[in-house]
PDB file of N, CA and C in Angstrom:
ATOM      1  N   MET A   1       3.889   2.764  15.923  1.00  0.00           N
ATOM      2  CA  MET A   1       4.931   3.291  14.701  1.00  0.00           C
ATOM      3  C   MET A   1       5.533   3.991  15.339  1.00  0.00           C
ATOM      4  N   LYS A   2       6.747   4.155  15.489  1.00  0.00           N
ATOM      5  CA  LYS A   2       7.964   4.947  15.080  1.00  0.00           C
ATOM      6  C   LYS A   2       8.126   6.441  13.873  1.00  0.00           C
ATOM      7  N   LEU A   3       7.946   7.332  14.231  1.00  0.00           N
ATOM      8  CA  LEU A   3       8.633   8.312  13.138  1.00  0.00           C
ATOM      9  C   LEU A   3      10.031   8.425  13.042  1.00  0.00           C
ATOM     10  N   ALA A   4      10.228   8.095  11.488  1.00  0.00           N
ATOM     11  CA  ALA A   4      11.563   7.608  11.345  1.00  0.00           C
ATOM     12  C   ALA A   4      12.704   9.134  11.441  1.00  0.00           C
ATOM     13  N   LEU A   5      12.110  10.160  11.022  1.00  0.00           N
ATOM     14  CA  LEU A   5      13.430  11.323  11.632  1.00  0.00           C
ATOM     15  C   LEU A   5      13.401  11.722  12.908  1.00  0.00           C
ATOM     16  N   SER A   6      12.288  11.372  13.758  1.00  0.00           N
ATOM     17  CA  SER A   6      12.378  11.476  15.452  1.00  0.00           C
ATOM     18  C   SER A   6      13.143  11.020  16.037  1.00  0.00           C
ATOM     19  N   THR A   7      13.263   9.474  15.625  1.00  0.00           N
ATOM     20  CA  THR A   7      14.303   8.210  16.077  1.00  0.00           C
ATOM     21  C   THR A   7      15.706   8.199  15.330  1.00  0.00           C
ATOM     22  N   ALA A   8      15.885   9.202  14.299  1.00  0.00           N
ATOM     23  CA  ALA A   8      17.122   8.925  13.665  1.00  0.00           C
ATOM     24  C   ALA A   8      17.751  10.480  13.730  1.00  0.00           C
ATOM     25  N   ALA A   9      17.258  11.077  14.804  1.00  0.00           N
ATOM     26  CA  ALA A   9      17.905  12.565  15.156  1.00  0.00           C
ATOM     27  C   ALA A   9      18.617  12.518  16.478  1.00  0.00           C
ATOM     28  N   TYR A  10      19.586  12.475  17.070  1.00  0.00           N
ATOM     29  CA  TYR A  10      20.269  12.328  18.225  1.00  0.00           C
ATOM     30  C   TYR A  10      20.659  13.935  19.091  1.00  0.00           C
ATOM     31  N   PRO A  11      19.628  13.989  20.091  1.00  0.00           N
ATOM     32  CA  PRO A  11      19.370  13.041  20.902  1.00  0.00           C
ATOM     33  C   PRO A  11      17.571  12.728  20.002  1.00  0.00           C
ATOM     34  N   ASN A  12      16.965  11.547  20.507  1.00  0.00           N
ATOM     35  CA  ASN A  12      16.197  10.944  19.551  1.00  0.00           C
ATOM     36  C   ASN A  12      14.655  12.274  20.531  1.00  0.00           C
ATOM     37  N   LEU A  13      13.954  12.919  19.179  1.00  0.00           N
ATOM     38  CA  LEU A  13      13.089  14.012  19.180  1.00  0.00           C
ATOM     39  C   LEU A  13      11.491  13.656  19.700  1.00  0.00           C
ATOM     40  N   THR A  14      11.280  14.369  20.755  1.00  0.00           N
ATOM     41  CA  THR A  14       9.631  14.052  21.637  1.00  0.00           C
ATOM     42  C   THR A  14       8.835  14.640  20.457  1.00  0.00           C
ATOM     43  N   ALA A  15       7.800  14.111  19.855  1.00  0.00           N
ATOM     44  CA  ALA A  15       6.754  14.311  19.251  1.00  0.00           C
ATOM     45  C   ALA A  15       5.572  13.932  19.626  1.00  0.00           C
ATOM     46  N   MET A  16       4.833  14.242  18.591  1.00  0.00           N
ATOM     47  CA  MET A  16       3.357  13.881  18.948  1.00  0.00           C
ATOM     48  C   MET A  16       2.827  13.123  17.680  1.00  0.00           C
ATOM     49  N   GLY A  17       2.058  12.105  18.073  1.00  0.00           N
ATOM     50  CA  GLY A  17       2.074  10.568  17.030  1.00  0.00           C
ATOM     51  C   GLY A  17       0.499  10.162  17.402  1.00  0.00           C
ATOM     52  N   ARG A  18       0.589   9.341  16.368  1.00  0.00           N
ATOM     53  CA  ARG A  18      -0.959   8.875  16.422  1.00  0.00           C
ATOM     54  C   ARG A  18      -1.014   6.999  15.370  1.00  0.00           C
ATOM     55  N   ASP A  19      -2.033   6.850  15.415  1.00  0.00           N
ATOM     56  CA  ASP A  19      -1.728   5.532  14.918  1.00  0.00           C
ATOM     57  C   ASP A  19      -1.919   5.566  13.245  1.00  0.00           C
ATOM     58  N   VAL A  20      -0.918   5.835  12.753  1.00  0.00           N
ATOM     59  CA  VAL A  20      -1.612   5.900  11.290  1.00  0.00           C
ATOM     60  C   VAL A  20      -1.930   4.744  10.526  1.00  0.00           C
ATOM     61  N   VAL A  21      -1.722   3.955  10.999  1.00  0.00           N
ATOM     62  CA  VAL A  21      -1.773   2.423  10.335  1.00  0.00           C
ATOM     63  C   VAL A  21      -3.487   2.281  10.439  1.00  0.00           C
ATOM     64  N   ASP A  22      -4.073   2.630  11.656  1.00  0.00           N
ATOM     65  CA  ASP A  22      -5.601   2.863  11.979  1.00  0.00           C
ATOM     66  C   ASP A  22      -6.132   3.982  10.848  1.00  0.00           C
ATOM     67  N   THR A  23      -5.383   5.006  10.952  1.00  0.00           N
ATOM     68  CA  THR A  23      -6.265   6.229  10.089  1.00  0.00           C
ATOM     69  C   THR A  23      -6.389   5.874   8.838  1.00  0.00           C
ATOM     70  N   GLY A  24      -5.767   5.474   8.235  1.00  0.00           N
ATOM     71  CA  GLY A  24      -5.549   4.748   6.899  1.00  0.00           C
ATOM     72  C   GLY A  24      -6.183   3.358   6.717  1.00  0.00           C
ATOM     73  N   LYS A  25      -6.896   2.959   7.575  1.00  0.00           N
ATOM     74  CA  LYS A  25      -8.048   1.948   7.284  1.00  0.00           C
ATOM     75  C   LYS A  25      -8.978   2.575   7.240  1.00  0.00           C
ATOM     76  N   GLN A  26      -9.114   3.774   8.259  1.00  0.00           N
ATOM     77  CA  GLN A  26     -10.117   4.207   8.383  1.00  0.00           C
ATOM     78  C   GLN A  26     -10.806   4.976   7.106  1.00  0.00           C
ATOM     79  N   ALA A  27      -9.769   5.896   6.395  1.00  0.00           N
ATOM     80  CA  ALA A  27     -10.118   6.424   5.512  1.00  0.00           C
ATOM     81  C   ALA A  27     -10.234   5.822   4.006  1.00  0.00           C
ATOM     82  N   ALA A  28      -9.408   4.352   3.938  1.00  0.00           N
ATOM     83  CA  ALA A  28     -10.089   3.595   2.807  1.00  0.00           C
ATOM     84  C   ALA A  28     -11.296   3.372   3.023  1.00  0.00           C
ATOM     85  N   GLU A  29     -12.150   3.006   4.278  1.00  0.00           N
ATOM     86  CA  GLU A  29     -13.292   2.434   4.273  1.00  0.00           C
ATOM     87  C   GLU A  29     -14.179   3.518   4.107  1.00  0.00           C
ATOM     88  N   LEU A  30     -13.902   5.052   4.372  1.00  0.00           N
ATOM     89  CA  LEU A  30     -14.936   5.865   4.274  1.00  0.00           C
ATOM     90  C   LEU A  30     -14.767   5.842   2.533  1.00  0.00           C
ATOM     91  N   LEU A  31     -13.299   5.865   1.754  1.00  0.00           N
ATOM     92  CA  LEU A  31     -13.384   6.333   0.429  1.00  0.00           C
ATOM     93  C   LEU A  31     -14.256   4.880  -0.216  1.00  0.00           C
ATOM     94  N   LEU A  32     -14.292   3.620  -0.124  1.00  0.00           N
ATOM     95  CA  LEU A  32     -14.883   3.222  -0.372  1.00  0.00           C
ATOM     96  C   LEU A  32     -16.276   3.037  -0.397  1.00  0.00           C
ATOM     97  N   LYS A  33     -16.808   3.168   0.860  1.00  0.00           N
ATOM     98  CA  LYS A  33     -18.008   3.930   0.950  1.00  0.00           C
ATOM     99  C   LYS A  33     -18.509   4.994   0.042  1.00  0.00           C
ATOM    100  N   LEU A  34     -17.743   5.653  -0.259  1.00  0.00           N
ATOM    101  CA  LEU A  34     -18.200   7.235  -1.194  1.00  0.00           C
ATOM    102  C   LEU A  34     -18.222   6.388  -2.612  1.00  0.00           C
ATOM    103  N   ILE A  35     -17.182   5.335  -2.657  1.00  0.00           N
ATOM    104  CA  ILE A  35     -17.402   5.304  -4.214  1.00  0.00           C
ATOM    105  C   ILE A  35     -18.161   4.291  -4.494  1.00  0.00           C
ATOM    106  N   ASP A  36     -19.124   3.810  -3.747  1.00  0.00           N
ATOM    107  CA  ASP A  36     -19.965   2.899  -3.867  1.00  0.00           C
ATOM    108  C   ASP A  36     -21.408   3.885  -4.089  1.00  0.00           C
ATOM    109  N   GLY A  37     -21.104   5.254  -3.575  1.00  0.00           N
ATOM    110  CA  GLY A  37     -22.311   5.880  -3.794  1.00  0.00           C
ATOM    111  C   GLY A  37     -23.035   6.568  -2.220  1.00  0.00           C
ATOM    112  N   GLU A  38     -22.625   5.722  -1.143  1.00  0.00           N
ATOM    113  CA  GLU A  38     -22.992   5.795  -0.003  1.00  0.00           C
ATOM    114  C   GLU A  38     -22.635   7.086   0.797  1.00  0.00           C
ATOM    115  N   ARG A  39     -23.383   8.046   1.491  1.00  0.00           N
ATOM    116  CA  ARG A  39     -23.129   8.885   1.925  1.00  0.00           C
ATOM    117  C   ARG A  39     -22.774   8.683   3.270  1.00  0.00           C
ATOM    118  N   VAL A  40     -20.903   9.723   3.959  1.00  0.00           N
ATOM    119  CA  VAL A  40     -20.554   9.628   4.960  1.00  0.00           C
ATOM    120  C   VAL A  40     -20.521  10.731   5.617  1.00  0.00           C
ATOM    121  N   GLY A  41     -20.691  10.258   6.811  1.00  0.00           N
ATOM    122  CA  GLY A  41     -20.837  11.644   8.112  1.00  0.00           C
ATOM    123  C   GLY A  41     -19.410  11.741   8.232  1.00  0.00           C
ATOM    124  N   HIS A  42     -18.992  12.772   9.677  1.00  0.00           N
ATOM    125  CA  HIS A  42     -17.714  13.011  10.018  1.00  0.00           C
ATOM    126  C   HIS A  42     -17.442  11.579  11.058  1.00  0.00           C
ATOM    127  N   LEU A  43     -16.179  11.508  11.312  1.00  0.00           N
ATOM    128  CA  LEU A  43     -15.149  10.661  11.778  1.00  0.00           C
ATOM    129  C   LEU A  43     -14.189  11.266  12.976  1.00  0.00           C
ATOM    130  N   MET A  44     -14.758  10.789  14.356  1.00  0.00           N
ATOM    131  CA  MET A  44     -13.664  11.323  15.297  1.00  0.00           C
ATOM    132  C   MET A  44     -12.787  10.732  15.396  1.00  0.00           C
ATOM    133  N   GLU A  45     -11.705  11.416  14.937  1.00  0.00           N
ATOM    134  CA  GLU A  45     -10.363  10.770  15.147  1.00  0.00           C
ATOM    135  C   GLU A  45      -9.824  10.828  16.423  1.00  0.00           C
ATOM    136  N   GLU A  46      -9.097   9.982  16.883  1.00  0.00           N
ATOM    137  CA  GLU A  46      -8.565   9.747  18.516  1.00  0.00           C
ATOM    138  C   GLU A  46      -7.403  10.901  18.620  1.00  0.00           C
ATOM    139  N   PRO A  47      -7.126  10.975  19.506  1.00  0.00           N
ATOM    140  CA  PRO A  47      -6.271  12.294  19.416  1.00  0.00           C
ATOM    141  C   PRO A  47      -5.074  11.541  19.816  1.00  0.00           C
ATOM    142  N   TYR A  48      -3.777  12.864  19.549  1.00  0.00           N
ATOM    143  CA  TYR A  48      -2.671  12.357  19.155  1.00  0.00           C
ATOM    144  C   TYR A  48      -2.100  12.414  20.475  1.00  0.00           C
ATOM    145  N   GLU A  49      -0.897  11.649  20.736  1.00  0.00           N
ATOM    146  CA  GLU A  49      -0.364  11.592  22.096  1.00  0.00           C
ATOM    147  C   GLU A  49       0.770  11.772  21.926  1.00  0.00           C
ATOM    148  N   LEU A  50       1.211  12.271  23.015  1.00  0.00           N
ATOM    149  CA  LEU A  50       2.958  12.987  22.897  1.00  0.00           C
ATOM    150  C   LEU A  50       3.763  12.077  23.278  1.00  0.00           C
ATOM    151  N   ARG A  51       4.808  11.800  22.378  1.00  0.00           N
ATOM    152  CA  ARG A  51       6.128  10.330  22.603  1.00  0.00           C
ATOM    153  C   ARG A  51       6.685  11.193  23.217  1.00  0.00           C
ATOM    154  N   ALA A  52       7.383  10.909  24.102  1.00  0.00           N
ATOM    155  CA  ALA A  52       8.573  11.717  24.740  1.00  0.00           C
ATOM    156  C   ALA A  52       9.750  10.664  24.598  1.00  0.00           C
ATOM    157  N   ARG A  53      10.787  11.418  24.318  1.00  0.00           N
ATOM    158  CA  ARG A  53      12.048  11.078  24.206  1.00  0.00           C
ATOM    159  C   ARG A  53      13.191  11.651  24.053  1.00  0.00           C
ATOM    160  N   ALA A  54      14.219  11.255  24.928  1.00  0.00           N
ATOM    161  CA  ALA A  54      15.563  11.535  24.877  1.00  0.00           C
ATOM    162  C   ALA A  54      15.999  13.251  24.446  1.00  0.00           C
ATOM    163  N   SER A  55      14.967  13.965  24.057  1.00  0.00           N
ATOM    164  CA  SER A  55      15.000  15.527  23.847  1.00  0.00           C
ATOM    165  C   SER A  55      14.322  16.176  24.889  1.00  0.00           C
ATOM    166  N   THR A  56      13.029  15.344  25.357  1.00  0.00           N
ATOM    167  CA  THR A  56      12.915  16.471  26.880  1.00  0.00           C
ATOM    168  C   THR A  56      13.522  15.860  27.741  1.00  0.00           C
ATOM    169  N   GLY A  57      13.383  17.163  28.747  1.00  0.00           N
ATOM    170  CA  GLY A  57      14.104  16.858  29.758  1.00  0.00           C
ATOM    171  C   GLY A  57      13.983  18.128  30.919  1.00  0.00           C
ATOM    172  N   PRO A  58      14.317  18.375  31.672  1.00  0.00           N
ATOM    173  CA  PRO A  58      14.235  19.746  32.452  1.00  0.00           C
ATOM    174  C   PRO A  58      14.382  20.833  32.161  1.00  0.00           C
ATOM    175  N   ALA A  59      14.026  21.988  32.409  1.00  0.00           N
ATOM    176  CA  ALA A  59      14.114  23.133  31.676  1.00  0.00           C
ATOM    177  C   ALA A  59      15.702  23.491  32.134  1.00  0.00           C
ATOM    178  N   PRO A  60      16.204  24.533  31.632  1.00  0.00           N
ATOM    179  CA  PRO A  60      17.715  24.794  32.309  1.00  0.00           C
ATOM    180  C   PRO A  60      17.444  25.891  33.242  1.00  0.00           C
ATOM    181  N   ALA A  61      18.330  25.805  34.133  1.00  0.00           N
ATOM    182  CA  ALA A  61      18.245  26.505  35.502  1.00  0.00           C
ATOM    183  C   ALA A  61      18.679  28.122  35.076  1.00  0.00           C
ATOM    184  N   ALA A  62      18.171  29.027  35.939  1.00  0.00           N
ATOM    185  CA  ALA A  62      18.065  30.501  35.263  1.00  0.00           C
ATOM    186  C   ALA A  62      19.533  31.006  35.957  1.00  0.00           C
ATOM    187  N   GLU A  63      19.843  31.847  35.014  1.00  0.00           N
ATOM    188  CA  GLU A  63      21.316  32.242  35.041  1.00  0.00           C
ATOM    189  C   GLU A  63      21.321  33.056  36.385  1.00  0.00           C
TER     190      GLU A  63
END
């Protein structure tokens, strides 16, 4: 999934991202369990990933 603001800017901005759809599904499943009175534990999230875009490049040369 693209970040709208990251890809709308020029140049496209590098950003950290993750699968927000999957995260939302997991959150909904946990919420339904809580509503049903079940106890839920901790859920390990997938790590964020670096999404390099046009704003990433070599560091400027020292003067």
